[in-house]
N, C-alpha and C. Protein backbone atom coordinates (compact mmCIF):
# COMPACT_ATOMS: atom_id res chain seq x y z
N UNK A 1 -148.21 200.85 117.95
CA UNK A 1 -147.81 199.81 117.89
C UNK A 1 -147.58 199.07 119.08
N UNK A 2 -147.90 197.69 119.07
CA UNK A 2 -147.82 196.94 120.52
C UNK A 2 -146.43 196.63 120.82
N UNK A 3 -146.15 196.83 122.14
CA UNK A 3 -144.71 196.33 122.52
C UNK A 3 -144.70 195.45 123.68
N UNK A 4 -143.62 194.89 123.94
CA UNK A 4 -143.87 193.95 125.12
C UNK A 4 -142.87 194.54 126.00
N UNK A 5 -143.40 194.90 127.35
CA UNK A 5 -143.01 195.69 128.43
C UNK A 5 -142.40 195.05 129.41
N UNK A 6 -142.35 193.94 129.69
CA UNK A 6 -141.76 192.99 130.95
C UNK A 6 -140.38 192.96 130.43
N UNK A 7 -139.38 192.44 131.27
CA UNK A 7 -137.96 191.95 131.12
C UNK A 7 -137.79 191.05 130.02
N UNK A 8 -136.97 191.59 129.37
CA UNK A 8 -136.78 190.57 128.03
C UNK A 8 -135.86 189.13 128.50
N UNK A 9 -135.16 189.57 129.56
CA UNK A 9 -134.48 188.33 130.31
C UNK A 9 -135.21 187.22 130.52
N UNK A 10 -136.44 187.42 130.86
CA UNK A 10 -137.47 186.10 131.03
C UNK A 10 -137.63 185.53 130.14
N UNK A 11 -137.68 186.28 128.88
CA UNK A 11 -137.82 185.54 127.59
C UNK A 11 -136.82 184.19 127.42
N UNK A 12 -135.31 184.87 127.74
CA UNK A 12 -134.13 183.56 127.54
C UNK A 12 -134.22 182.64 128.57
N UNK A 13 -134.66 183.25 129.78
CA UNK A 13 -134.61 182.01 130.75
C UNK A 13 -135.89 181.19 130.38
N UNK A 14 -136.96 181.53 129.80
CA UNK A 14 -138.12 180.61 129.42
C UNK A 14 -137.75 179.61 128.29
N UNK A 15 -137.01 180.20 127.42
CA UNK A 15 -136.40 179.32 126.38
C UNK A 15 -135.39 178.43 126.56
N UNK A 16 -134.62 178.74 127.71
CA UNK A 16 -133.25 177.96 128.26
C UNK A 16 -132.35 178.15 127.66
N UNK A 17 -131.97 179.35 126.81
CA UNK A 17 -130.80 179.70 126.18
C UNK A 17 -130.83 181.16 125.91
N UNK A 18 -129.60 181.77 125.59
CA UNK A 18 -129.37 183.36 125.34
C UNK A 18 -130.18 183.67 123.92
N UNK A 19 -131.07 184.45 123.79
CA UNK A 19 -131.91 184.91 122.68
C UNK A 19 -131.03 186.32 122.13
N UNK A 20 -130.04 186.66 122.96
CA UNK A 20 -129.52 188.10 122.59
C UNK A 20 -130.29 189.44 122.27
N UNK A 21 -131.32 189.36 123.33
CA UNK A 21 -132.38 190.35 123.00
C UNK A 21 -132.04 191.76 123.44
N UNK A 22 -130.72 191.77 124.27
CA UNK A 22 -130.37 193.07 124.69
C UNK A 22 -129.06 193.76 124.28
N UNK A 23 -128.68 192.99 123.13
CA UNK A 23 -127.36 193.56 122.50
C UNK A 23 -126.16 193.32 123.15
N UNK A 24 -125.36 194.10 123.20
CA UNK A 24 -123.97 193.95 124.09
C UNK A 24 -124.03 193.51 125.48
N UNK A 25 -125.19 193.79 126.13
CA UNK A 25 -125.39 193.25 127.58
C UNK A 25 -125.30 192.13 127.45
N UNK A 26 -125.86 191.25 126.75
CA UNK A 26 -125.86 189.58 126.85
C UNK A 26 -124.70 189.16 126.63
N UNK A 27 -123.62 189.87 126.17
CA UNK A 27 -122.19 189.43 126.15
C UNK A 27 -121.26 189.65 127.37
N UNK A 28 -122.21 190.49 128.12
CA UNK A 28 -121.39 191.03 129.60
C UNK A 28 -121.55 190.06 130.77
N UNK A 29 -120.85 190.25 131.81
CA UNK A 29 -121.22 189.38 133.21
C UNK A 29 -122.72 189.94 133.56
N UNK A 30 -122.99 190.98 132.99
CA UNK A 30 -124.33 191.52 133.65
C UNK A 30 -125.43 190.79 133.21
N UNK A 31 -125.34 189.93 132.49
CA UNK A 31 -126.60 189.16 131.61
C UNK A 31 -127.09 188.52 132.94
N UNK A 32 -128.45 188.57 133.03
CA UNK A 32 -129.24 187.82 133.87
C UNK A 32 -129.34 186.29 133.76
N UNK A 33 -129.09 185.80 132.47
CA UNK A 33 -129.14 184.49 132.28
C UNK A 33 -128.12 183.64 132.79
N UNK A 34 -126.84 184.39 132.95
CA UNK A 34 -125.51 183.80 133.42
C UNK A 34 -125.85 183.49 134.88
N UNK A 35 -126.59 184.46 135.71
CA UNK A 35 -127.02 184.19 137.03
C UNK A 35 -128.15 183.18 137.26
N UNK A 36 -129.20 183.35 136.52
CA UNK A 36 -130.58 182.56 136.61
C UNK A 36 -130.87 182.17 135.16
N UNK A 37 -130.16 180.81 135.04
CA UNK A 37 -130.70 179.93 133.62
C UNK A 37 -131.89 179.29 133.64
N UNK A 38 -132.44 179.21 134.87
CA UNK A 38 -133.68 178.28 135.12
C UNK A 38 -135.04 179.10 134.70
N UNK A 39 -136.18 178.59 134.43
CA UNK A 39 -137.37 179.32 134.03
C UNK A 39 -137.74 180.39 135.13
N UNK A 40 -138.39 181.42 134.61
CA UNK A 40 -138.82 182.40 135.48
C UNK A 40 -140.29 181.95 136.38
N UNK A 41 -140.45 182.68 137.32
CA UNK A 41 -141.70 182.17 138.16
C UNK A 41 -141.20 181.53 139.41
N UNK A 42 -142.39 181.31 140.29
CA UNK A 42 -142.30 180.86 141.79
C UNK A 42 -141.70 179.48 142.01
N UNK A 43 -141.92 178.70 140.63
CA UNK A 43 -141.38 177.18 140.78
C UNK A 43 -140.17 176.95 139.58
N UNK A 44 -139.68 178.08 139.38
CA UNK A 44 -138.88 177.85 138.00
C UNK A 44 -137.63 176.81 138.05
N UNK A 45 -137.10 176.87 139.23
CA UNK A 45 -136.12 176.00 139.55
C UNK A 45 -136.60 174.44 139.65
N UNK A 46 -137.74 174.22 140.32
CA UNK A 46 -138.16 172.68 140.14
C UNK A 46 -138.83 172.53 138.61
N UNK A 47 -139.32 173.39 137.99
CA UNK A 47 -139.68 173.05 136.55
C UNK A 47 -138.60 172.56 135.71
N UNK A 48 -137.43 173.13 135.90
CA UNK A 48 -136.50 172.52 134.81
C UNK A 48 -136.23 171.23 134.91
N UNK A 49 -136.59 170.73 136.03
CA UNK A 49 -136.16 169.07 136.39
C UNK A 49 -137.44 168.16 136.01
N UNK A 50 -138.65 168.68 135.72
CA UNK A 50 -139.94 167.93 135.84
C UNK A 50 -140.48 168.22 134.30
N UNK A 51 -139.67 168.91 133.33
CA UNK A 51 -140.52 168.89 132.18
C UNK A 51 -140.99 168.02 131.64
N UNK A 52 -141.99 167.67 130.73
CA UNK A 52 -142.22 166.59 129.78
C UNK A 52 -141.92 167.04 128.42
N UNK A 53 -141.13 166.47 127.67
CA UNK A 53 -140.78 166.87 126.41
C UNK A 53 -141.73 166.28 125.22
N UNK A 54 -143.03 166.54 125.35
CA UNK A 54 -144.28 166.04 124.54
C UNK A 54 -143.61 166.79 122.91
N UNK A 55 -144.40 166.08 122.00
CA UNK A 55 -144.37 167.02 120.80
C UNK A 55 -144.85 168.29 120.38
N UNK A 56 -145.98 168.35 121.30
CA UNK A 56 -146.68 169.76 121.62
C UNK A 56 -145.69 170.67 121.97
N UNK A 57 -145.06 170.31 123.15
CA UNK A 57 -144.21 171.16 124.24
C UNK A 57 -143.13 171.56 123.06
N UNK A 58 -142.30 170.72 122.30
CA UNK A 58 -141.41 171.00 121.29
C UNK A 58 -141.78 172.12 120.27
N UNK A 59 -142.81 171.86 119.73
CA UNK A 59 -143.46 172.73 118.70
C UNK A 59 -143.75 174.18 118.98
N UNK A 60 -144.32 174.26 120.43
CA UNK A 60 -144.83 175.30 121.04
C UNK A 60 -143.31 176.30 121.45
N UNK A 61 -142.61 175.42 121.87
CA UNK A 61 -141.33 176.09 122.02
C UNK A 61 -140.71 176.85 120.95
N UNK A 62 -140.52 175.97 119.87
CA UNK A 62 -139.79 176.45 118.67
C UNK A 62 -140.57 177.59 118.06
N UNK A 63 -141.85 177.49 118.04
CA UNK A 63 -142.78 178.69 117.72
C UNK A 63 -142.35 179.90 118.44
N UNK A 64 -142.58 179.87 119.96
CA UNK A 64 -142.21 180.96 120.73
C UNK A 64 -140.92 181.51 120.78
N UNK A 65 -139.94 180.72 120.62
CA UNK A 65 -138.44 181.07 120.12
C UNK A 65 -138.15 182.10 119.01
N UNK A 66 -139.11 181.56 118.18
CA UNK A 66 -138.96 182.12 116.77
C UNK A 66 -139.63 183.63 116.92
N UNK A 67 -140.77 183.71 117.66
CA UNK A 67 -141.34 184.96 117.51
C UNK A 67 -140.50 185.94 118.78
N UNK A 68 -139.72 185.44 119.81
CA UNK A 68 -139.36 186.25 120.62
C UNK A 68 -137.86 186.67 119.78
N UNK A 69 -137.09 185.95 119.11
CA UNK A 69 -136.01 186.27 118.70
C UNK A 69 -136.45 187.26 117.63
N UNK A 70 -137.28 187.38 116.78
CA UNK A 70 -137.64 188.65 115.98
C UNK A 70 -138.52 189.62 116.53
N UNK A 71 -138.83 189.22 117.72
CA UNK A 71 -139.89 190.39 118.52
C UNK A 71 -141.17 190.60 117.78
N UNK A 72 -141.97 189.67 117.46
CA UNK A 72 -143.34 189.52 116.73
C UNK A 72 -144.21 189.16 117.64
N UNK A 73 -145.25 189.48 117.45
CA UNK A 73 -146.50 188.99 118.39
C UNK A 73 -147.17 187.99 117.47
N UNK A 74 -148.22 187.34 118.58
CA UNK A 74 -148.66 185.78 117.89
C UNK A 74 -149.60 186.37 116.51
N UNK A 75 -150.38 187.48 116.47
CA UNK A 75 -151.15 187.56 115.42
C UNK A 75 -150.45 188.00 114.21
N UNK A 76 -149.38 188.62 114.27
CA UNK A 76 -148.51 189.00 113.09
C UNK A 76 -147.78 187.96 112.75
N UNK A 77 -147.60 187.05 113.68
CA UNK A 77 -146.38 185.70 113.34
C UNK A 77 -147.44 184.81 112.53
N UNK A 78 -148.46 184.73 112.88
CA UNK A 78 -149.60 183.71 112.27
C UNK A 78 -149.62 184.30 110.74
N UNK A 79 -149.71 185.69 110.88
CA UNK A 79 -149.88 186.17 109.27
C UNK A 79 -149.01 185.90 108.32
N UNK A 80 -147.50 186.10 108.87
CA UNK A 80 -146.48 185.65 108.30
C UNK A 80 -146.58 184.15 107.78
N UNK A 81 -146.87 183.36 108.84
CA UNK A 81 -146.91 181.95 108.34
C UNK A 81 -147.91 181.59 107.29
N UNK A 82 -149.08 182.12 107.39
CA UNK A 82 -150.09 181.98 106.18
C UNK A 82 -149.25 182.56 104.87
N UNK A 83 -148.79 183.70 105.09
CA UNK A 83 -148.01 184.01 103.83
C UNK A 83 -147.19 183.46 103.12
N UNK A 84 -146.38 182.51 104.31
CA UNK A 84 -145.35 181.82 103.79
C UNK A 84 -145.97 180.52 103.21
N UNK A 85 -147.04 180.01 103.70
CA UNK A 85 -147.67 178.84 103.20
C UNK A 85 -148.14 179.21 101.38
N UNK A 86 -148.55 180.56 101.24
CA UNK A 86 -149.07 180.91 100.02
C UNK A 86 -147.87 180.98 98.84
N UNK A 87 -146.67 180.88 99.51
CA UNK A 87 -145.47 180.90 98.51
C UNK A 87 -144.71 179.51 98.01
N UNK A 88 -144.40 179.68 96.93
CA UNK A 88 -143.54 178.44 96.64
C UNK A 88 -142.44 177.96 97.42
N UNK A 89 -142.13 177.06 97.63
CA UNK A 89 -140.98 176.20 98.30
C UNK A 89 -141.46 175.71 99.68
N UNK A 90 -140.67 175.73 100.50
CA UNK A 90 -140.66 175.08 101.84
C UNK A 90 -141.23 176.01 102.67
N UNK A 91 -142.43 175.60 103.42
CA UNK A 91 -143.05 176.59 104.25
C UNK A 91 -142.16 177.33 105.23
N UNK A 92 -141.59 176.58 105.98
CA UNK A 92 -140.81 176.86 106.97
C UNK A 92 -139.46 178.03 106.72
N UNK A 93 -139.01 177.66 105.60
CA UNK A 93 -137.67 178.38 105.15
C UNK A 93 -138.37 179.71 104.63
N UNK A 94 -139.74 179.62 103.76
CA UNK A 94 -140.19 180.89 103.38
C UNK A 94 -140.61 181.72 104.69
N UNK A 95 -141.13 181.27 105.86
CA UNK A 95 -141.27 182.06 106.85
C UNK A 95 -140.19 182.58 107.69
N UNK A 96 -139.00 182.05 107.66
CA UNK A 96 -137.63 182.51 108.08
C UNK A 96 -137.08 183.57 107.09
N UNK A 97 -137.54 183.54 105.64
CA UNK A 97 -136.94 184.54 104.82
C UNK A 97 -137.97 185.77 105.01
N UNK A 98 -139.06 185.62 105.42
CA UNK A 98 -139.99 186.90 105.50
C UNK A 98 -139.53 187.53 106.91
N UNK A 99 -139.19 186.84 107.89
CA UNK A 99 -138.96 187.42 109.15
C UNK A 99 -137.52 188.38 109.01
N UNK A 100 -136.73 187.63 108.03
CA UNK A 100 -135.40 188.36 108.10
C UNK A 100 -135.31 189.40 107.43
N UNK A 101 -136.40 189.46 106.65
CA UNK A 101 -136.78 190.80 105.69
C UNK A 101 -137.33 191.92 105.94
N UNK A 102 -137.62 191.68 107.36
CA UNK A 102 -138.40 192.85 108.18
C UNK A 102 -137.28 193.82 108.31
N UNK A 103 -137.66 195.16 108.22
CA UNK A 103 -136.69 196.53 108.30
C UNK A 103 -135.89 196.40 109.42
N UNK A 104 -136.76 196.11 110.60
CA UNK A 104 -135.87 196.13 112.14
C UNK A 104 -134.70 194.87 111.87
N UNK A 105 -135.09 193.88 111.35
CA UNK A 105 -133.98 192.82 111.21
C UNK A 105 -132.81 193.25 110.29
N UNK A 106 -133.24 193.81 109.29
CA UNK A 106 -132.24 194.12 108.45
C UNK A 106 -131.18 195.24 108.97
N UNK A 107 -131.82 196.36 109.62
CA UNK A 107 -130.92 197.12 110.40
C UNK A 107 -129.96 196.47 111.19
N UNK A 108 -130.77 195.37 112.23
CA UNK A 108 -129.81 194.90 112.98
C UNK A 108 -128.84 194.11 112.39
N UNK A 109 -128.96 193.14 111.36
CA UNK A 109 -127.94 192.41 110.54
C UNK A 109 -126.85 193.30 109.94
N UNK A 110 -127.35 194.69 109.71
CA UNK A 110 -126.11 195.62 109.00
C UNK A 110 -125.04 195.76 110.28
N UNK A 111 -125.72 195.60 111.24
CA UNK A 111 -124.54 196.36 112.47
C UNK A 111 -125.09 197.80 112.59
N UNK A 112 -126.19 198.21 112.41
CA UNK A 112 -126.44 199.81 112.68
C UNK A 112 -127.36 199.66 113.82
N UNK A 113 -127.25 198.80 114.78
CA UNK A 113 -128.30 198.81 116.02
C UNK A 113 -127.58 197.47 116.65
N UNK A 114 -127.69 197.44 117.90
CA UNK A 114 -127.00 196.42 118.76
C UNK A 114 -127.79 195.27 119.00
N UNK A 115 -129.27 195.54 118.71
CA UNK A 115 -130.48 194.68 118.70
C UNK A 115 -131.50 194.81 117.90
N UNK A 116 -132.49 193.94 117.87
CA UNK A 116 -133.57 194.05 117.31
C UNK A 116 -134.58 195.14 117.72
N UNK A 117 -134.59 195.23 119.09
CA UNK A 117 -135.32 196.25 119.65
C UNK A 117 -134.77 197.48 119.75
N UNK A 118 -133.46 197.88 119.73
CA UNK A 118 -132.86 198.91 119.25
C UNK A 118 -133.06 199.36 117.97
N UNK A 119 -133.12 198.39 116.96
CA UNK A 119 -133.38 198.85 115.62
C UNK A 119 -134.99 199.14 115.51
N UNK A 120 -135.87 198.48 115.95
CA UNK A 120 -137.26 198.96 115.96
C UNK A 120 -137.34 200.61 116.64
N UNK A 121 -136.57 200.81 117.78
CA UNK A 121 -136.60 202.14 118.24
C UNK A 121 -136.06 203.24 117.19
N UNK A 122 -135.22 202.97 116.64
CA UNK A 122 -134.64 203.89 115.52
C UNK A 122 -135.47 204.01 114.42
N UNK A 123 -135.91 202.99 113.69
CA UNK A 123 -136.72 203.12 112.92
C UNK A 123 -138.16 204.05 113.12
N UNK A 124 -138.82 203.63 114.21
CA UNK A 124 -139.98 204.32 114.43
C UNK A 124 -139.72 205.89 114.78
N UNK A 125 -138.33 206.10 115.27
CA UNK A 125 -138.26 207.58 115.30
C UNK A 125 -137.40 208.19 114.18
N UNK A 126 -137.96 207.53 113.05
CA UNK A 126 -137.75 208.16 111.46
C UNK A 126 -136.41 208.17 111.19
N UNK A 127 -135.25 207.52 111.65
CA UNK A 127 -134.04 207.71 111.24
C UNK A 127 -133.35 206.98 109.76
N UNK A 128 -134.47 206.25 109.36
CA UNK A 128 -133.81 205.50 108.28
C UNK A 128 -134.77 205.80 106.82
N UNK A 129 -134.26 205.76 105.86
CA UNK A 129 -135.05 205.77 104.44
C UNK A 129 -134.77 204.37 103.78
N UNK A 130 -136.00 204.09 102.99
CA UNK A 130 -135.89 203.09 102.16
C UNK A 130 -136.07 203.45 100.89
N UNK A 131 -135.17 203.30 99.69
CA UNK A 131 -135.49 203.83 98.47
C UNK A 131 -135.58 205.34 98.44
N UNK A 132 -134.94 206.25 99.43
CA UNK A 132 -135.02 207.64 99.25
C UNK A 132 -136.17 208.16 100.10
N UNK A 133 -136.98 207.37 100.77
CA UNK A 133 -138.08 207.76 101.43
C UNK A 133 -138.07 207.65 102.68
N UNK A 134 -138.39 208.34 103.80
CA UNK A 134 -138.22 208.18 105.29
C UNK A 134 -139.50 207.02 105.53
N UNK A 135 -139.09 205.87 106.27
CA UNK A 135 -139.76 204.86 106.39
C UNK A 135 -139.72 204.44 108.10
N UNK A 136 -140.74 204.72 108.74
CA UNK A 136 -140.70 204.61 110.06
C UNK A 136 -141.85 203.35 110.62
N UNK A 137 -141.79 202.31 109.68
CA UNK A 137 -142.38 201.13 110.10
C UNK A 137 -141.39 200.18 110.12
N UNK A 138 -141.34 199.44 111.53
CA UNK A 138 -140.21 198.29 111.54
C UNK A 138 -140.58 197.15 111.01
N UNK A 139 -141.89 196.79 110.65
CA UNK A 139 -142.24 195.56 110.07
C UNK A 139 -142.10 195.46 108.47
N UNK A 140 -141.76 196.69 108.11
CA UNK A 140 -141.60 196.71 106.62
C UNK A 140 -140.70 195.83 105.93
N UNK A 141 -141.42 194.93 105.02
CA UNK A 141 -140.67 193.82 104.21
C UNK A 141 -139.86 194.36 102.82
N UNK A 142 -138.25 194.32 103.14
CA UNK A 142 -137.70 194.67 102.17
C UNK A 142 -137.81 193.89 100.92
N UNK A 143 -137.16 194.37 99.72
CA UNK A 143 -137.13 193.27 98.40
C UNK A 143 -135.87 193.51 97.93
N UNK A 144 -135.37 192.94 97.10
CA UNK A 144 -134.13 192.77 96.43
C UNK A 144 -133.98 194.15 95.63
N UNK A 145 -133.02 194.54 95.58
CA UNK A 145 -132.67 195.95 95.15
C UNK A 145 -133.08 197.21 95.97
N UNK A 146 -133.65 196.92 97.01
CA UNK A 146 -134.13 198.07 97.84
C UNK A 146 -132.99 198.58 98.66
N UNK A 147 -133.22 200.05 98.85
CA UNK A 147 -131.74 200.85 99.14
C UNK A 147 -132.12 201.20 100.62
N UNK A 148 -131.32 200.93 101.57
CA UNK A 148 -131.69 201.24 103.05
C UNK A 148 -130.69 202.44 103.31
N UNK A 149 -130.89 203.34 103.96
CA UNK A 149 -129.72 204.48 104.57
C UNK A 149 -130.25 205.16 105.69
N UNK A 150 -129.30 205.32 106.56
CA UNK A 150 -129.66 206.39 107.65
C UNK A 150 -129.91 207.60 107.08
N UNK A 151 -130.78 208.51 107.39
CA UNK A 151 -131.08 209.79 106.88
C UNK A 151 -130.07 210.89 106.97
N UNK A 152 -129.68 211.75 106.34
CA UNK A 152 -128.50 212.54 106.24
C UNK A 152 -128.66 213.60 107.67
N UNK A 153 -130.11 213.83 108.17
CA UNK A 153 -130.06 214.56 109.26
C UNK A 153 -129.51 213.64 110.53
N UNK A 154 -129.93 212.24 110.51
CA UNK A 154 -129.65 211.53 111.62
C UNK A 154 -127.98 211.19 111.54
N UNK A 155 -127.23 211.19 110.38
CA UNK A 155 -125.90 211.06 110.40
C UNK A 155 -125.12 211.91 111.20
N UNK A 156 -125.94 212.95 111.35
CA UNK A 156 -124.98 214.00 112.49
C UNK A 156 -125.31 213.70 113.97
N UNK A 157 -125.97 212.69 114.01
CA UNK A 157 -126.16 212.16 115.57
C UNK A 157 -124.96 211.52 116.10
N UNK A 158 -124.81 211.60 117.45
CA UNK A 158 -123.44 211.11 117.86
C UNK A 158 -123.57 209.55 117.82
N UNK A 159 -124.93 208.92 117.81
CA UNK A 159 -124.98 207.78 118.02
C UNK A 159 -124.60 207.08 116.78
N UNK A 160 -124.97 207.69 115.69
CA UNK A 160 -124.73 207.20 114.28
C UNK A 160 -123.33 207.40 113.92
N UNK A 161 -122.57 208.42 114.34
CA UNK A 161 -121.32 208.86 113.92
C UNK A 161 -120.16 207.93 114.71
N UNK A 162 -120.63 207.38 115.86
CA UNK A 162 -120.01 206.31 116.64
C UNK A 162 -120.00 204.80 116.05
N UNK A 163 -121.20 204.49 115.32
CA UNK A 163 -121.54 203.32 114.60
C UNK A 163 -120.67 203.64 113.26
N UNK A 164 -120.73 204.75 112.78
CA UNK A 164 -119.83 204.49 111.37
C UNK A 164 -118.40 204.68 111.57
N UNK A 165 -117.74 204.44 112.87
CA UNK A 165 -116.32 203.95 113.20
C UNK A 165 -116.26 202.51 113.45
N UNK A 166 -117.27 202.07 114.10
CA UNK A 166 -116.99 200.69 114.42
C UNK A 166 -118.00 199.62 113.81
N UNK A 167 -118.83 199.83 112.96
CA UNK A 167 -119.31 198.89 112.15
C UNK A 167 -118.51 198.13 111.44
N UNK A 168 -118.86 196.51 111.47
CA UNK A 168 -117.79 195.59 110.88
C UNK A 168 -118.83 195.01 109.86
N UNK A 169 -118.20 195.36 108.63
CA UNK A 169 -118.87 194.79 107.58
C UNK A 169 -118.74 193.66 107.06
N UNK A 170 -117.74 192.75 107.64
CA UNK A 170 -117.42 191.55 107.63
C UNK A 170 -118.39 190.53 108.27
N UNK A 171 -119.45 191.31 108.90
CA UNK A 171 -120.32 190.25 109.55
C UNK A 171 -121.88 190.34 108.83
N UNK A 172 -121.72 191.33 108.06
CA UNK A 172 -123.02 191.53 107.12
C UNK A 172 -123.35 190.04 106.42
N UNK A 173 -124.43 189.72 106.54
CA UNK A 173 -124.88 188.70 105.85
C UNK A 173 -124.90 188.88 104.17
N UNK A 174 -124.58 187.55 103.27
CA UNK A 174 -124.35 187.59 101.96
C UNK A 174 -125.53 188.45 101.11
N UNK A 175 -126.61 188.36 101.58
CA UNK A 175 -127.71 188.85 101.13
C UNK A 175 -127.98 190.38 101.23
N UNK A 176 -127.01 190.89 102.14
CA UNK A 176 -127.10 192.41 102.10
C UNK A 176 -125.68 192.80 101.64
N UNK A 177 -125.85 194.22 101.42
CA UNK A 177 -124.36 194.60 100.87
C UNK A 177 -124.35 196.28 101.55
N UNK A 178 -123.13 196.37 102.34
CA UNK A 178 -123.37 197.51 102.95
C UNK A 178 -122.13 198.51 102.81
N UNK A 179 -122.37 199.74 102.44
CA UNK A 179 -121.52 200.91 102.64
C UNK A 179 -121.28 201.64 103.89
N UNK A 180 -120.25 201.23 104.54
CA UNK A 180 -120.12 201.62 105.91
C UNK A 180 -119.92 203.26 106.19
N UNK A 181 -119.06 203.73 105.13
CA UNK A 181 -118.67 205.43 105.06
C UNK A 181 -119.97 205.94 104.94
N UNK A 182 -121.07 205.62 104.24
CA UNK A 182 -122.15 206.38 103.87
C UNK A 182 -123.41 205.79 104.79
N UNK A 183 -123.09 204.63 105.54
CA UNK A 183 -124.19 204.30 106.43
C UNK A 183 -125.31 203.97 105.51
N UNK A 184 -125.26 203.36 104.33
CA UNK A 184 -126.21 202.90 103.51
C UNK A 184 -125.76 201.41 103.06
N UNK A 185 -127.19 200.72 102.49
CA UNK A 185 -127.07 199.43 102.26
C UNK A 185 -127.70 199.07 101.01
N UNK A 186 -127.77 198.00 100.22
CA UNK A 186 -128.80 197.25 99.53
C UNK A 186 -128.89 196.06 99.50
N UNK A 187 -130.05 195.72 99.30
CA UNK A 187 -130.66 194.25 99.56
C UNK A 187 -130.31 193.42 98.24
N UNK A 188 -129.45 192.52 98.39
CA UNK A 188 -128.94 191.72 97.19
C UNK A 188 -129.90 190.59 96.77
N UNK A 189 -130.53 190.02 97.78
CA UNK A 189 -131.52 189.10 97.30
C UNK A 189 -132.43 188.62 98.45
N UNK A 190 -133.24 187.64 98.24
CA UNK A 190 -133.90 187.25 99.53
C UNK A 190 -133.16 186.28 100.15
N UNK A 191 -133.07 186.20 101.48
CA UNK A 191 -132.05 185.19 102.27
C UNK A 191 -132.75 183.74 102.01
N UNK A 192 -131.47 182.91 101.90
CA UNK A 192 -131.80 181.34 101.76
C UNK A 192 -131.64 180.90 103.07
N UNK A 193 -131.83 179.73 103.28
CA UNK A 193 -131.82 179.22 104.70
C UNK A 193 -130.48 179.15 105.04
N UNK A 194 -129.35 179.02 104.15
CA UNK A 194 -128.01 178.92 104.66
C UNK A 194 -127.47 180.03 105.12
N UNK A 195 -128.18 181.36 104.98
CA UNK A 195 -127.63 182.48 105.00
C UNK A 195 -128.50 183.18 106.59
N UNK A 196 -129.32 182.16 106.93
CA UNK A 196 -129.75 182.70 108.20
C UNK A 196 -129.25 181.89 109.30
N UNK A 197 -128.40 182.51 110.21
CA UNK A 197 -127.70 181.74 111.28
C UNK A 197 -128.59 181.70 112.68
N UNK A 198 -129.76 181.97 112.84
CA UNK A 198 -130.85 181.95 113.76
C UNK A 198 -130.91 180.36 113.90
N UNK A 199 -130.54 179.79 115.28
CA UNK A 199 -130.73 178.56 115.75
C UNK A 199 -132.13 178.27 115.86
N UNK A 200 -132.86 178.16 115.09
CA UNK A 200 -134.53 177.78 114.92
C UNK A 200 -134.78 176.73 114.32
N UNK A 201 -135.78 175.78 114.61
CA UNK A 201 -136.37 174.71 114.13
C UNK A 201 -137.65 175.08 113.34
N UNK A 202 -137.41 175.40 112.12
CA UNK A 202 -138.67 176.02 111.12
C UNK A 202 -139.74 174.87 111.05
N UNK A 203 -139.21 173.53 110.95
CA UNK A 203 -140.23 172.42 110.79
C UNK A 203 -141.19 172.32 111.97
N UNK A 204 -140.51 172.41 113.08
CA UNK A 204 -141.42 172.04 114.35
C UNK A 204 -142.56 173.26 114.32
N UNK A 205 -142.21 174.65 113.66
CA UNK A 205 -143.24 175.67 113.58
C UNK A 205 -144.23 175.24 112.87
N UNK A 206 -143.96 174.66 111.86
CA UNK A 206 -144.78 174.22 110.53
C UNK A 206 -145.60 173.38 111.37
N UNK A 207 -145.37 172.17 111.82
CA UNK A 207 -146.03 171.09 112.36
C UNK A 207 -146.85 171.76 113.58
N UNK A 208 -146.44 172.55 114.33
CA UNK A 208 -147.48 173.38 115.42
C UNK A 208 -148.71 174.04 114.57
N UNK A 209 -148.46 174.69 113.84
CA UNK A 209 -149.54 175.26 112.90
C UNK A 209 -150.47 174.23 112.08
N UNK A 210 -149.92 173.04 111.63
CA UNK A 210 -150.50 172.12 111.05
C UNK A 210 -151.44 171.02 111.78
N UNK A 211 -151.24 171.37 113.09
CA UNK A 211 -151.87 170.32 113.99
C UNK A 211 -153.42 170.35 113.87
């Protein structure tokens, strides 16, 4: 599985806003974006004052931002876009729905991980079941009525014990149903656009790939 190995704080600085890629650290004074909000690189400070807001640049940044928020590389992102094009409805909204139904995003949305990167690691290490079967593929796309649960052996782990005490079910989106005491959940429906709180402009992404 391909991984991004450089500093994720650079990604936030490149997009000019916090993408909350490091979980709780992003809410603390240690967040690098609080100290250096300008783009990374030798001429980052000067670049922020001479950017040209062309249509292409806006479309590219919208696409890159979505990729970085969900932790998806270009080839896979393009595959999701093609899949969204083949579905009924608006392509942009279909794309966001596909990204939201990735297992790593679902684990993050349930509050069982502090970031999508942490969720990917937990899934890869085999801590989750989907419909009673061990699933270690972060990109697995869940469907309505799928049951997601922390594996019985993993519930004894100190990490999950602490989450069982602190998980906040009120923050779980409407399309998911969480059972905090059992560390399990159910997919109620495919997420609609109004249930996706990511500040993304899906229309610009569609325009980028339609050039």
